[in-house]
Amino acid sequence: MEIGSTDWKRYLRRGAEALDIAVTGEQLDAFALHAGELLYWNRRTNLTAITDPAQVAVKHFVDSLVPARFIADDAAVLDIGSGAGFPGIPLKVALPNLKVSLVDAIRKKITFLGHVIRLLGLTDIHAVHFRTGPPVSVDQARAVLGKGYDVVISRALGSPEALAPMALPLLGENGMIVSMRGKAVPASKAVGMRIGPLIVVDACDYRLPYDGPGRSLWCLKAARSHR
């Protein structure tokens, strides 16, 4: 199976459908372009350790689409540690009215992200070279990245404890942190859990298709803003 082939697109579509996610032919074409460029650039720039076409389809693209059900279709989204564009670019393709900022600390990855954005003809999305977290101050982060985001999301940071310190100052009123992580506490027990200044307001457990690993997604808000 080759990236972009009919079989690859069918494999991705069926994987998405297994998680009740609908994808169009146009979206599959965009994913194929992104994936093809990912593997081409990966020959000279370390973008991903996942290079098997089937794994790329599931672990990068299908997994990146899972948060779409929790995000308003016109939200302002900040993807921290976007790397090769996951989950930010697939989310933008799935929800075209999103306003997306992709952030990564490695300049070569930002160059790649800018290339993919132009190739796909996406608007209201940009890539920013910035190293989040200590010793960067809140004022520095806001000056570069802005503030008032509806959603701050990350696949690179595996826990809300790691994501919260940099995400909270960038959120708008009633903004939400989306943490994508390996399966830990079951979703049924996670909702209502307090983690420092955060409270889990929604969560889901899922297993990546084709016997993939168990995953979980937590949506968190500042406890003081949650009603």
Protein backbone atom coordinates (compact mmCIF):
# COMPACT_ATOMS: atom_id res chain seq x y z
CA MET A 1 0.00 0.00 0.00
CA GLU A 2 1.39 3.37 -1.04
CA ILE A 3 0.63 6.79 0.39
CA GLY A 4 -2.09 8.44 -1.68
CA SER A 5 -3.18 5.26 -3.44
CA THR A 6 -6.83 4.24 -3.61
CA ASP A 7 -6.11 1.48 -1.11
CA TRP A 8 -4.46 3.95 1.29
CA LYS A 9 -7.37 6.36 1.13
CA ARG A 10 -9.84 3.51 1.61
CA TYR A 11 -7.84 2.29 4.60
CA LEU A 12 -7.87 5.76 6.18
CA ARG A 13 -11.58 6.25 5.49
CA ARG A 14 -12.51 2.89 7.02
CA GLY A 15 -10.32 3.60 10.02
CA ALA A 16 -12.04 6.93 10.55
CA GLU A 17 -15.48 5.37 10.13
CA ALA A 18 -14.61 2.82 12.82
CA LEU A 19 -14.48 5.80 15.20
CA ASP A 20 -17.65 7.34 13.74
CA ILE A 21 -15.69 10.00 11.88
CA ALA A 22 -16.83 10.84 8.35
CA VAL A 23 -14.25 12.04 5.82
CA THR A 24 -14.88 13.26 2.28
CA GLY A 25 -12.98 12.46 -0.86
CA GLU A 26 -11.59 16.01 -0.93
CA GLN A 27 -10.33 15.65 2.62
CA LEU A 28 -8.70 12.32 1.78
CA ASP A 29 -6.92 14.00 -1.14
CA ALA A 30 -5.58 16.66 1.25
CA PHE A 31 -4.43 14.03 3.74
CA ALA A 32 -2.67 12.16 0.94
CA LEU A 33 -0.78 15.29 -0.13
CA HIS A 34 0.24 16.02 3.46
CA ALA A 35 1.34 12.41 4.03
CA GLY A 36 3.30 12.27 0.77
CA GLU A 37 5.20 15.45 1.62
CA LEU A 38 5.79 14.16 5.15
CA LEU A 39 7.58 11.05 3.94
CA TYR A 40 9.47 12.93 1.22
CA TRP A 41 10.78 15.59 3.62
CA ASN A 42 11.45 12.98 6.29
CA ARG A 43 14.30 11.62 4.18
CA ARG A 44 16.38 14.67 5.06
CA THR A 45 14.58 16.22 8.04
CA ASN A 46 13.56 14.24 11.10
CA LEU A 47 9.80 14.82 11.17
CA THR A 48 8.42 11.45 12.26
CA ALA A 49 9.47 7.97 13.27
CA ILE A 50 6.25 6.61 11.76
CA THR A 51 6.83 5.89 8.07
CA ASP A 52 4.75 2.80 7.30
CA PRO A 53 1.85 4.02 5.13
CA ALA A 54 -0.81 2.19 7.14
CA GLN A 55 0.58 3.53 10.41
CA VAL A 56 0.76 7.05 8.99
CA ALA A 57 -2.92 6.82 8.05
CA VAL A 58 -4.03 5.67 11.49
CA LYS A 59 -1.55 7.07 14.02
CA HIS A 60 -1.23 10.49 12.42
CA PHE A 61 -4.42 11.25 10.49
CA VAL A 62 -7.21 9.22 12.11
CA ASP A 63 -5.94 10.01 15.59
CA SER A 64 -5.76 13.73 14.76
CA LEU A 65 -9.42 13.76 13.73
CA VAL A 66 -10.76 12.46 17.05
CA PRO A 67 -10.81 15.90 18.77
CA ALA A 68 -12.99 17.41 16.02
CA ARG A 69 -16.19 16.34 17.80
CA PHE A 70 -15.23 18.44 20.83
CA ILE A 71 -14.23 21.63 18.98
CA ALA A 72 -16.57 24.30 17.64
CA ASP A 73 -16.18 24.58 13.88
CA ASP A 74 -15.13 28.26 14.05
CA ALA A 75 -12.84 28.04 17.10
CA ALA A 76 -9.43 29.67 17.42
CA VAL A 77 -7.06 26.74 18.04
CA LEU A 78 -3.44 26.67 19.20
CA ASP A 79 -1.58 23.40 18.52
CA ILE A 80 1.46 23.26 20.80
CA GLY A 81 4.32 21.01 19.65
CA SER A 82 2.67 20.49 16.29
CA GLY A 83 5.70 18.76 14.80
CA ALA A 84 4.71 17.64 11.31
CA GLY A 85 1.26 19.22 11.70
CA PHE A 86 -0.64 16.84 13.95
CA PRO A 87 -3.34 17.29 14.99
CA GLY A 88 -3.63 20.89 13.72
CA ILE A 89 -3.58 20.41 9.94
CA PRO A 90 -6.00 17.44 9.76
CA LEU A 91 -8.34 19.33 12.11
CA LYS A 92 -8.19 22.38 9.83
CA VAL A 93 -8.96 20.19 6.81
CA ALA A 94 -11.89 18.61 8.64
CA LEU A 95 -13.19 21.92 10.05
CA PRO A 96 -12.25 24.57 7.44
CA ASN A 97 -13.55 27.52 9.49
CA LEU A 98 -11.09 26.93 12.31
CA LYS A 99 -8.44 29.60 12.92
CA VAL A 100 -5.30 27.59 13.67
CA SER A 101 -1.85 28.44 15.01
CA LEU A 102 0.76 25.67 14.80
CA VAL A 103 3.69 26.05 17.18
CA ASP A 104 6.95 24.16 17.31
CA ALA A 105 10.42 24.77 18.69
CA ILE A 106 12.26 23.30 15.70
CA ARG A 107 12.63 25.68 12.76
CA LYS A 108 12.89 22.92 10.13
CA LYS A 109 9.49 21.66 11.19
CA ILE A 110 8.04 25.15 10.87
CA THR A 111 9.45 25.35 7.34
CA PHE A 112 7.73 22.05 6.53
CA LEU A 113 4.44 23.22 8.04
CA GLY A 114 4.51 26.41 5.97
CA HIS A 115 5.13 24.34 2.85
CA VAL A 116 2.16 22.03 3.56
CA ILE A 117 -0.13 24.96 4.34
CA ARG A 118 0.70 26.53 0.97
CA LEU A 119 0.44 23.21 -0.87
CA LEU A 120 -3.04 22.54 0.52
CA GLY A 121 -4.17 26.12 -0.08
CA LEU A 122 -5.29 26.52 3.53
CA THR A 123 -6.23 29.91 4.96
CA ASP A 124 -6.52 31.18 8.54
CA ILE A 125 -3.69 28.88 9.60
CA HIS A 126 -0.05 29.71 10.23
CA ALA A 127 3.06 28.15 11.74
CA VAL A 128 5.12 29.87 14.44
CA HIS A 129 8.65 29.05 15.55
CA PHE A 130 8.60 29.34 19.34
CA ARG A 131 9.79 27.34 22.31
CA THR A 132 7.02 27.23 24.87
CA GLY A 133 7.50 26.52 28.55
CA PRO A 134 10.14 27.64 31.07
CA PRO A 135 12.11 29.86 31.04
CA VAL A 136 9.70 31.63 28.66
CA SER A 137 7.48 34.09 30.51
CA VAL A 138 3.74 34.47 30.07
CA ASP A 139 4.28 37.92 28.56
CA GLN A 140 6.73 36.51 26.00
CA ALA A 141 4.33 33.72 25.02
CA ARG A 142 1.44 36.14 24.64
CA ALA A 143 3.56 38.56 22.62
CA VAL A 144 4.47 35.87 20.09
CA LEU A 145 1.43 33.59 20.11
CA GLY A 146 -1.36 35.96 21.13
CA LYS A 147 -4.06 35.07 23.61
CA GLY A 148 -7.78 34.42 23.78
CA TYR A 149 -7.68 30.97 22.16
CA ASP A 150 -10.83 28.88 22.37
CA VAL A 151 -8.81 25.66 22.35
CA VAL A 152 -5.20 24.80 23.16
CA ILE A 153 -4.40 21.27 22.06
CA SER A 154 -1.34 19.03 22.00
CA ARG A 155 -0.39 15.50 21.08
CA ALA A 156 3.27 16.15 21.88
CA LEU A 157 2.67 16.79 25.57
CA GLY A 158 1.19 13.64 27.00
CA SER A 159 -0.44 15.00 30.13
CA PRO A 160 -2.56 17.99 31.17
CA GLU A 161 -0.07 18.66 33.96
CA ALA A 162 2.61 19.34 31.35
CA LEU A 163 0.31 21.32 29.07
CA ALA A 164 -1.52 23.50 31.60
CA PRO A 165 1.25 25.94 32.65
CA MET A 166 1.79 27.16 29.09
CA ALA A 167 -1.79 26.78 27.88
CA LEU A 168 -3.77 28.48 30.62
CA PRO A 169 -2.39 32.02 30.09
CA LEU A 170 -3.22 31.79 26.36
CA LEU A 171 -6.85 30.70 26.73
CA GLY A 172 -9.78 33.02 26.27
CA GLU A 173 -12.71 33.20 28.63
CA ASN A 174 -14.18 29.71 28.96
CA GLY A 175 -11.38 28.38 26.75
CA MET A 176 -10.56 24.68 26.77
CA ILE A 177 -7.41 22.57 26.91
CA VAL A 178 -7.53 19.32 24.92
CA SER A 179 -4.99 16.75 26.07
CA MET A 180 -4.43 13.71 23.83
CA ARG A 181 -2.72 10.95 25.73
CA GLY A 182 -2.26 7.24 26.20
CA LYS A 183 -5.07 5.55 28.04
CA ALA A 184 -4.84 6.26 31.75
CA VAL A 185 -7.88 6.92 33.94
CA PRO A 186 -11.12 5.73 32.25
CA ALA A 187 -13.17 8.59 30.81
CA SER A 188 -16.10 7.73 33.09
CA LYS A 189 -13.90 8.44 36.11
CA ALA A 190 -11.95 11.33 34.60
CA VAL A 191 -14.89 13.73 34.15
CA GLY A 192 -15.08 16.02 37.16
CA MET A 193 -11.50 15.27 38.20
CA ARG A 194 -9.50 18.28 39.33
CA ILE A 195 -5.91 18.60 38.20
CA GLY A 196 -4.36 21.64 39.82
CA PRO A 197 -6.30 24.65 38.53
CA LEU A 198 -8.11 22.53 35.93
CA ILE A 199 -11.22 20.40 35.91
CA VAL A 200 -11.97 17.68 33.36
CA VAL A 201 -15.26 18.67 31.71
CA ASP A 202 -15.39 15.96 29.04
CA ALA A 203 -13.40 12.89 28.08
CA CYS A 204 -13.46 9.87 25.82
CA ASP A 205 -11.62 6.59 25.53
CA TYR A 206 -10.98 5.11 22.11
CA ARG A 207 -8.88 2.50 20.44
CA LEU A 208 -7.15 3.29 17.19
CA PRO A 209 -8.56 1.08 14.41
CA TYR A 210 -6.98 -2.08 13.09
CA ASP A 211 -6.05 -3.25 16.61
CA GLY A 212 -4.21 -0.05 17.47
CA PRO A 213 -3.41 1.08 21.01
CA GLY A 214 -5.93 2.45 23.47
CA ARG A 215 -6.00 6.22 23.71
CA SER A 216 -7.84 8.86 25.68
CA LEU A 217 -8.74 12.49 25.17
CA TRP A 218 -9.49 14.90 28.01
CA CYS A 219 -11.10 18.32 27.72
CA LEU A 220 -10.20 20.59 30.63
CA LYS A 221 -11.13 24.09 31.70
CA ALA A 222 -9.93 26.36 34.45
CA ALA A 223 -11.90 25.34 37.52
CA ARG A 224 -12.86 28.95 38.23
CA SER A 225 -14.44 29.33 34.76
CA HIS A 226 -16.39 26.07 34.81
CA ARG A 227 -20.02 26.31 35.75
